[in-house]
Amino acid sequence: MSFCDHCEGQRFDRAQVLRALRATRKRLPRPGAACSADQALAMAIEAVRSLEIPHLERIEDLADGQVVH
């Protein structure tokens, strides 16, 4: 199965975010150590924010709009 560039990009972006979140989970303090939900979320947000996710143009923004999706 193949995907259009837009869908392929979304699959790649999703995988990249999931890898970053899993790596962040490993950096969280072990159970019993002090780590609030706010601290854990802040770490997750920073991990995703640090990713370089490319911008994809929306189909409506293309000149002819004749893209099969």
PDB file of N, CA and C in Angstrom:
ATOM      1  N   MET A   1       0.848  -1.163   0.000  1.00  0.00           N
ATOM      2  CA  MET A   1       0.000   0.000   0.000  1.00  0.00           C
ATOM      3  C   MET A   1       0.897   1.230   0.000  1.00  0.00           C
ATOM      4  N   SER A   2       0.535   2.210  -0.791  1.00  0.00           N
ATOM      5  CA  SER A   2       1.291   3.455  -0.793  1.00  0.00           C
ATOM      6  C   SER A   2       0.365   4.596  -0.404  1.00  0.00           C
ATOM      7  N   PHE A   3       0.964   5.660   0.044  1.00  0.00           N
ATOM      8  CA  PHE A   3       0.213   6.813   0.514  1.00  0.00           C
ATOM      9  C   PHE A   3       0.618   8.048  -0.280  1.00  0.00           C
ATOM     10  N   CYS A   4      -0.284   9.009  -0.409  1.00  0.00           N
ATOM     11  CA  CYS A   4       0.067  10.273  -1.042  1.00  0.00           C
ATOM     12  C   CYS A   4       1.101  10.970  -0.146  1.00  0.00           C
ATOM     13  N   ASP A   5       1.750  12.003  -0.693  1.00  0.00           N
ATOM     14  CA  ASP A   5       2.791  12.704   0.073  1.00  0.00           C
ATOM     15  C   ASP A   5       2.251  13.257   1.384  1.00  0.00           C
ATOM     16  N   HIS A   6       1.040  13.784   1.358  1.00  0.00           N
ATOM     17  CA  HIS A   6       0.448  14.363   2.566  1.00  0.00           C
ATOM     18  C   HIS A   6       0.255  13.306   3.650  1.00  0.00           C
ATOM     19  N   CYS A   7      -0.349  12.177   3.265  1.00  0.00           N
ATOM     20  CA  CYS A   7      -0.599  11.109   4.240  1.00  0.00           C
ATOM     21  C   CYS A   7       0.708  10.478   4.718  1.00  0.00           C
ATOM     22  N   GLU A   8       1.643  10.299   3.799  1.00  0.00           N
ATOM     23  CA  GLU A   8       2.941   9.744   4.183  1.00  0.00           C
ATOM     24  C   GLU A   8       3.619  10.669   5.185  1.00  0.00           C
ATOM     25  N   GLY A   9       3.525  11.975   4.954  1.00  0.00           N
ATOM     26  CA  GLY A   9       4.104  12.950   5.881  1.00  0.00           C
ATOM     27  C   GLY A   9       3.453  12.876   7.242  1.00  0.00           C
ATOM     28  N   GLN A  10       2.124  12.722   7.266  1.00  0.00           N
ATOM     29  CA  GLN A  10       1.429  12.629   8.545  1.00  0.00           C
ATOM     30  C   GLN A  10       1.836  11.366   9.306  1.00  0.00           C
ATOM     31  N   ARG A  11       1.999  10.250   8.590  1.00  0.00           N
ATOM     32  CA  ARG A  11       2.415   9.007   9.238  1.00  0.00           C
ATOM     33  C   ARG A  11       3.815   9.164   9.823  1.00  0.00           C
ATOM     34  N   PHE A  12       4.702   9.820   9.075  1.00  0.00           N
ATOM     35  CA  PHE A  12       6.061  10.046   9.558  1.00  0.00           C
ATOM     36  C   PHE A  12       6.043  10.956  10.780  1.00  0.00           C
ATOM     37  N   ASP A  13       5.265  12.042  10.719  1.00  0.00           N
ATOM     38  CA  ASP A  13       5.182  12.978  11.841  1.00  0.00           C
ATOM     39  C   ASP A  13       4.657  12.283  13.088  1.00  0.00           C
ATOM     40  N   ARG A  14       3.619  11.474  12.929  1.00  0.00           N
ATOM     41  CA  ARG A  14       3.038  10.761  14.063  1.00  0.00           C
ATOM     42  C   ARG A  14       4.063   9.820  14.683  1.00  0.00           C
ATOM     43  N   ALA A  15       4.776   9.097  13.848  1.00  0.00           N
ATOM     44  CA  ALA A  15       5.798   8.175  14.354  1.00  0.00           C
ATOM     45  C   ALA A  15       6.898   8.927  15.087  1.00  0.00           C
ATOM     46  N   GLN A  16       7.281  10.067  14.549  1.00  0.00           N
ATOM     47  CA  GLN A  16       8.337  10.872  15.165  1.00  0.00           C
ATOM     48  C   GLN A  16       7.888  11.382  16.542  1.00  0.00           C
ATOM     49  N   VAL A  17       6.652  11.818  16.645  1.00  0.00           N
ATOM     50  CA  VAL A  17       6.122  12.303  17.925  1.00  0.00           C
ATOM     51  C   VAL A  17       6.047  11.156  18.926  1.00  0.00           C
ATOM     52  N   LEU A  18       5.556  10.003  18.494  1.00  0.00           N
ATOM     53  CA  LEU A  18       5.462   8.864  19.410  1.00  0.00           C
ATOM     54  C   LEU A  18       6.836   8.438  19.916  1.00  0.00           C
ATOM     55  N   ARG A  19       7.841   8.434  19.043  1.00  0.00           N
ATOM     56  CA  ARG A  19       9.207   8.083  19.487  1.00  0.00           C
ATOM     57  C   ARG A  19       9.700   9.087  20.525  1.00  0.00           C
ATOM     58  N   ALA A  20       9.444  10.374  20.296  1.00  0.00           N
ATOM     59  CA  ALA A  20       9.883  11.406  21.245  1.00  0.00           C
ATOM     60  C   ALA A  20       9.189  11.239  22.593  1.00  0.00           C
ATOM     61  N   LEU A  21       7.898  10.929  22.567  1.00  0.00           N
ATOM     62  CA  LEU A  21       7.167  10.749  23.827  1.00  0.00           C
ATOM     63  C   LEU A  21       7.622   9.495  24.572  1.00  0.00           C
ATOM     64  N   ARG A  22       7.919   8.435  23.847  1.00  0.00           N
ATOM     65  CA  ARG A  22       8.423   7.220  24.515  1.00  0.00           C
ATOM     66  C   ARG A  22       9.786   7.476  25.156  1.00  0.00           C
ATOM     67  N   ALA A  23      10.639   8.228  24.465  1.00  0.00           N
ATOM     68  CA  ALA A  23      11.952   8.562  25.022  1.00  0.00           C
ATOM     69  C   ALA A  23      11.791   9.442  26.258  1.00  0.00           C
ATOM     70  N   THR A  24      10.815  10.341  26.222  1.00  0.00           N
ATOM     71  CA  THR A  24      10.558  11.206  27.384  1.00  0.00           C
ATOM     72  C   THR A  24      10.063  10.385  28.558  1.00  0.00           C
ATOM     73  N   ARG A  25       9.210   9.403  28.285  1.00  0.00           N
ATOM     74  CA  ARG A  25       8.707   8.539  29.355  1.00  0.00           C
ATOM     75  C   ARG A  25       9.858   7.852  30.081  1.00  0.00           C
ATOM     76  N   LYS A  26      10.874   7.434  29.333  1.00  0.00           N
ATOM     77  CA  LYS A  26      12.031   6.777  29.939  1.00  0.00           C
ATOM     78  C   LYS A  26      12.838   7.725  30.817  1.00  0.00           C
ATOM     79  N   ARG A  27      12.757   9.033  30.546  1.00  0.00           N
ATOM     80  CA  ARG A  27      13.504  10.013  31.339  1.00  0.00           C
ATOM     81  C   ARG A  27      12.754  10.458  32.597  1.00  0.00           C
ATOM     82  N   LEU A  28      11.484  10.080  32.713  1.00  0.00           N
ATOM     83  CA  LEU A  28      10.714  10.451  33.899  1.00  0.00           C
ATOM     84  C   LEU A  28      11.289   9.744  35.116  1.00  0.00           C
ATOM     85  N   PRO A  29      11.181  10.377  36.273  1.00  0.00           N
ATOM     86  CA  PRO A  29      11.645   9.710  37.500  1.00  0.00           C
ATOM     87  C   PRO A  29      10.888   8.399  37.717  1.00  0.00           C
ATOM     88  N   ARG A  30      11.535   7.474  38.346  1.00  0.00           N
ATOM     89  CA  ARG A  30      10.934   6.170  38.627  1.00  0.00           C
ATOM     90  C   ARG A  30       9.774   6.326  39.602  1.00  0.00           C
ATOM     91  N   PRO A  31       8.855   5.339  39.603  1.00  0.00           N
ATOM     92  CA  PRO A  31       7.741   5.397  40.557  1.00  0.00           C
ATOM     93  C   PRO A  31       8.253   5.599  41.978  1.00  0.00           C
ATOM     94  N   GLY A  32       7.571   6.440  42.706  1.00  0.00           N
ATOM     95  CA  GLY A  32       7.973   6.743  44.074  1.00  0.00           C
ATOM     96  C   GLY A  32       8.800   8.013  44.163  1.00  0.00           C
ATOM     97  N   ALA A  33       9.428   8.416  43.052  1.00  0.00           N
ATOM     98  CA  ALA A  33      10.186   9.667  43.026  1.00  0.00           C
ATOM     99  C   ALA A  33       9.206  10.817  42.765  1.00  0.00           C
ATOM    100  N   ALA A  34       9.577  11.971  43.218  1.00  0.00           N
ATOM    101  CA  ALA A  34       8.700  13.129  43.079  1.00  0.00           C
ATOM    102  C   ALA A  34       8.707  13.658  41.639  1.00  0.00           C
ATOM    103  N   CYS A  35       7.550  13.582  40.982  1.00  0.00           N
ATOM    104  CA  CYS A  35       7.367  14.157  39.646  1.00  0.00           C
ATOM    105  C   CYS A  35       5.872  14.401  39.492  1.00  0.00           C
ATOM    106  N   SER A  36       5.507  15.658  39.388  1.00  0.00           N
ATOM    107  CA  SER A  36       4.089  15.979  39.270  1.00  0.00           C
ATOM    108  C   SER A  36       3.616  15.769  37.831  1.00  0.00           C
ATOM    109  N   ALA A  37       2.313  15.711  37.681  1.00  0.00           N
ATOM    110  CA  ALA A  37       1.734  15.585  36.341  1.00  0.00           C
ATOM    111  C   ALA A  37       2.124  16.784  35.498  1.00  0.00           C
ATOM    112  N   ASP A  38       2.187  17.963  36.113  1.00  0.00           N
ATOM    113  CA  ASP A  38       2.580  19.170  35.391  1.00  0.00           C
ATOM    114  C   ASP A  38       4.009  19.058  34.872  1.00  0.00           C
ATOM    115  N   GLN A  39       4.899  18.531  35.678  1.00  0.00           N
ATOM    116  CA  GLN A  39       6.289  18.353  35.240  1.00  0.00           C
ATOM    117  C   GLN A  39       6.377  17.346  34.096  1.00  0.00           C
ATOM    118  N   ALA A  40       5.624  16.255  34.190  1.00  0.00           N
ATOM    119  CA  ALA A  40       5.639  15.238  33.137  1.00  0.00           C
ATOM    120  C   ALA A  40       5.097  15.806  31.832  1.00  0.00           C
ATOM    121  N   LEU A  41       4.006  16.565  31.917  1.00  0.00           N
ATOM    122  CA  LEU A  41       3.449  17.181  30.713  1.00  0.00           C
ATOM    123  C   LEU A  41       4.399  18.221  30.127  1.00  0.00           C
ATOM    124  N   ALA A  42       5.056  18.974  30.979  1.00  0.00           N
ATOM    125  CA  ALA A  42       6.013  19.965  30.498  1.00  0.00           C
ATOM    126  C   ALA A  42       7.157  19.292  29.739  1.00  0.00           C
ATOM    127  N   MET A  43       7.609  18.158  30.245  1.00  0.00           N
ATOM    128  CA  MET A  43       8.667  17.411  29.550  1.00  0.00           C
ATOM    129  C   MET A  43       8.174  16.900  28.198  1.00  0.00           C
ATOM    130  N   ALA A  44       6.937  16.403  28.162  1.00  0.00           N
ATOM    131  CA  ALA A  44       6.375  15.894  26.908  1.00  0.00           C
ATOM    132  C   ALA A  44       6.201  17.022  25.896  1.00  0.00           C
ATOM    133  N   ILE A  45       5.693  18.156  26.341  1.00  0.00           N
ATOM    134  CA  ILE A  45       5.505  19.304  25.439  1.00  0.00           C
ATOM    135  C   ILE A  45       6.844  19.758  24.886  1.00  0.00           C
ATOM    136  N   GLU A  46       7.850  19.839  25.715  1.00  0.00           N
ATOM    137  CA  GLU A  46       9.174  20.265  25.259  1.00  0.00           C
ATOM    138  C   GLU A  46       9.760  19.271  24.265  1.00  0.00           C
ATOM    139  N   ALA A  47       9.529  17.987  24.489  1.00  0.00           N
ATOM    140  CA  ALA A  47      10.036  16.968  23.562  1.00  0.00           C
ATOM    141  C   ALA A  47       9.411  17.127  22.183  1.00  0.00           C
ATOM    142  N   VAL A  48       8.101  17.352  22.134  1.00  0.00           N
ATOM    143  CA  VAL A  48       7.418  17.524  20.851  1.00  0.00           C
ATOM    144  C   VAL A  48       7.804  18.860  20.218  1.00  0.00           C
ATOM    145  N   ARG A  49       7.914  19.889  21.025  1.00  0.00           N
ATOM    146  CA  ARG A  49       8.282  21.219  20.513  1.00  0.00           C
ATOM    147  C   ARG A  49       9.668  21.205  19.865  1.00  0.00           C
ATOM    148  N   SER A  50      10.552  20.376  20.353  1.00  0.00           N
ATOM    149  CA  SER A  50      11.920  20.344  19.832  1.00  0.00           C
ATOM    150  C   SER A  50      12.038  19.600  18.497  1.00  0.00           C
ATOM    151  N   LEU A  51      10.968  18.903  18.090  1.00  0.00           N
ATOM    152  CA  LEU A  51      11.004  18.180  16.816  1.00  0.00           C
ATOM    153  C   LEU A  51      10.967  19.165  15.650  1.00  0.00           C
ATOM    154  N   GLU A  52      11.598  18.783  14.561  1.00  0.00           N
ATOM    155  CA  GLU A  52      11.546  19.596  13.352  1.00  0.00           C
ATOM    156  C   GLU A  52      10.587  18.926  12.387  1.00  0.00           C
ATOM    157  N   ILE A  53       9.333  19.345  12.453  1.00  0.00           N
ATOM    158  CA  ILE A  53       8.300  18.778  11.602  1.00  0.00           C
ATOM    159  C   ILE A  53       8.072  19.746  10.443  1.00  0.00           C
ATOM    160  N   PRO A  54       8.231  19.258   9.203  1.00  0.00           N
ATOM    161  CA  PRO A  54       8.095  20.146   8.050  1.00  0.00           C
ATOM    162  C   PRO A  54       6.660  20.612   7.845  1.00  0.00           C
ATOM    163  N   HIS A  55       6.537  21.739   7.203  1.00  0.00           N
ATOM    164  CA  HIS A  55       5.222  22.282   6.871  1.00  0.00           C
ATOM    165  C   HIS A  55       4.773  21.709   5.534  1.00  0.00           C
ATOM    166  N   LEU A  56       3.571  21.183   5.487  1.00  0.00           N
ATOM    167  CA  LEU A  56       3.009  20.690   4.229  1.00  0.00           C
ATOM    168  C   LEU A  56       1.891  21.638   3.808  1.00  0.00           C
ATOM    169  N   GLU A  57       1.857  21.986   2.533  1.00  0.00           N
ATOM    170  CA  GLU A  57       0.806  22.869   2.043  1.00  0.00           C
ATOM    171  C   GLU A  57      -0.533  22.142   2.051  1.00  0.00           C
ATOM    172  N   ARG A  58      -1.571  22.877   2.366  1.00  0.00           N
ATOM    173  CA  ARG A  58      -2.909  22.316   2.319  1.00  0.00           C
ATOM    174  C   ARG A  58      -3.337  22.206   0.866  1.00  0.00           C
ATOM    175  N   ILE A  59      -4.163  21.242   0.569  1.00  0.00           N
ATOM    176  CA  ILE A  59      -4.625  21.030  -0.803  1.00  0.00           C
ATOM    177  C   ILE A  59      -5.331  22.274  -1.331  1.00  0.00           C
ATOM    178  N   GLU A  60      -6.106  22.951  -0.506  1.00  0.00           N
ATOM    179  CA  GLU A  60      -6.831  24.135  -0.943  1.00  0.00           C
ATOM    180  C   GLU A  60      -5.884  25.255  -1.368  1.00  0.00           C
ATOM    181  N   ASP A  61      -4.649  25.246  -0.871  1.00  0.00           N
ATOM    182  CA  ASP A  61      -3.680  26.288  -1.170  1.00  0.00           C
ATOM    183  C   ASP A  61      -2.989  26.075  -2.515  1.00  0.00           C
ATOM    184  N   LEU A  62      -3.160  24.915  -3.119  1.00  0.00           N
ATOM    185  CA  LEU A  62      -2.508  24.635  -4.392  1.00  0.00           C
ATOM    186  C   LEU A  62      -3.255  25.338  -5.519  1.00  0.00           C
ATOM    187  N   ALA A  63      -2.529  25.663  -6.580  1.00  0.00           N
ATOM    188  CA  ALA A  63      -3.071  26.458  -7.680  1.00  0.00           C
ATOM    189  C   ALA A  63      -4.297  25.827  -8.339  1.00  0.00           C
ATOM    190  N   ASP A  64      -4.191  24.581  -8.798  1.00  0.00           N
ATOM    191  CA  ASP A  64      -5.292  24.003  -9.555  1.00  0.00           C
ATOM    192  C   ASP A  64      -6.249  23.173  -8.697  1.00  0.00           C
ATOM    193  N   GLY A  65      -5.824  22.734  -7.533  1.00  0.00           N
ATOM    194  CA  GLY A  65      -6.668  21.971  -6.645  1.00  0.00           C
ATOM    195  C   GLY A  65      -7.027  20.582  -7.167  1.00  0.00           C
ATOM    196  N   GLN A  66      -6.348  20.101  -8.194  1.00  0.00           N
ATOM    197  CA  GLN A  66      -6.654  18.815  -8.807  1.00  0.00           C
ATOM    198  C   GLN A  66      -5.787  17.695  -8.248  1.00  0.00           C
ATOM    199  N   VAL A  67      -5.777  17.540  -6.959  1.00  0.00           N
ATOM    200  CA  VAL A  67      -4.972  16.505  -6.319  1.00  0.00           C
ATOM    201  C   VAL A  67      -5.885  15.382  -5.869  1.00  0.00           C
ATOM    202  N   VAL A  68      -5.558  14.165  -6.246  1.00  0.00           N
ATOM    203  CA  VAL A  68      -6.327  13.004  -5.784  1.00  0.00           C
ATOM    204  C   VAL A  68      -5.730  12.583  -4.452  1.00  0.00           C
ATOM    205  N   HIS A  69      -6.561  12.487  -3.442  1.00  0.00           N
ATOM    206  CA  HIS A  69      -6.091  12.202  -2.091  1.00  0.00           C
ATOM    207  C   HIS A  69      -6.591  10.845  -1.673  1.00  0.00           C
TER     208      HIS A  69
END
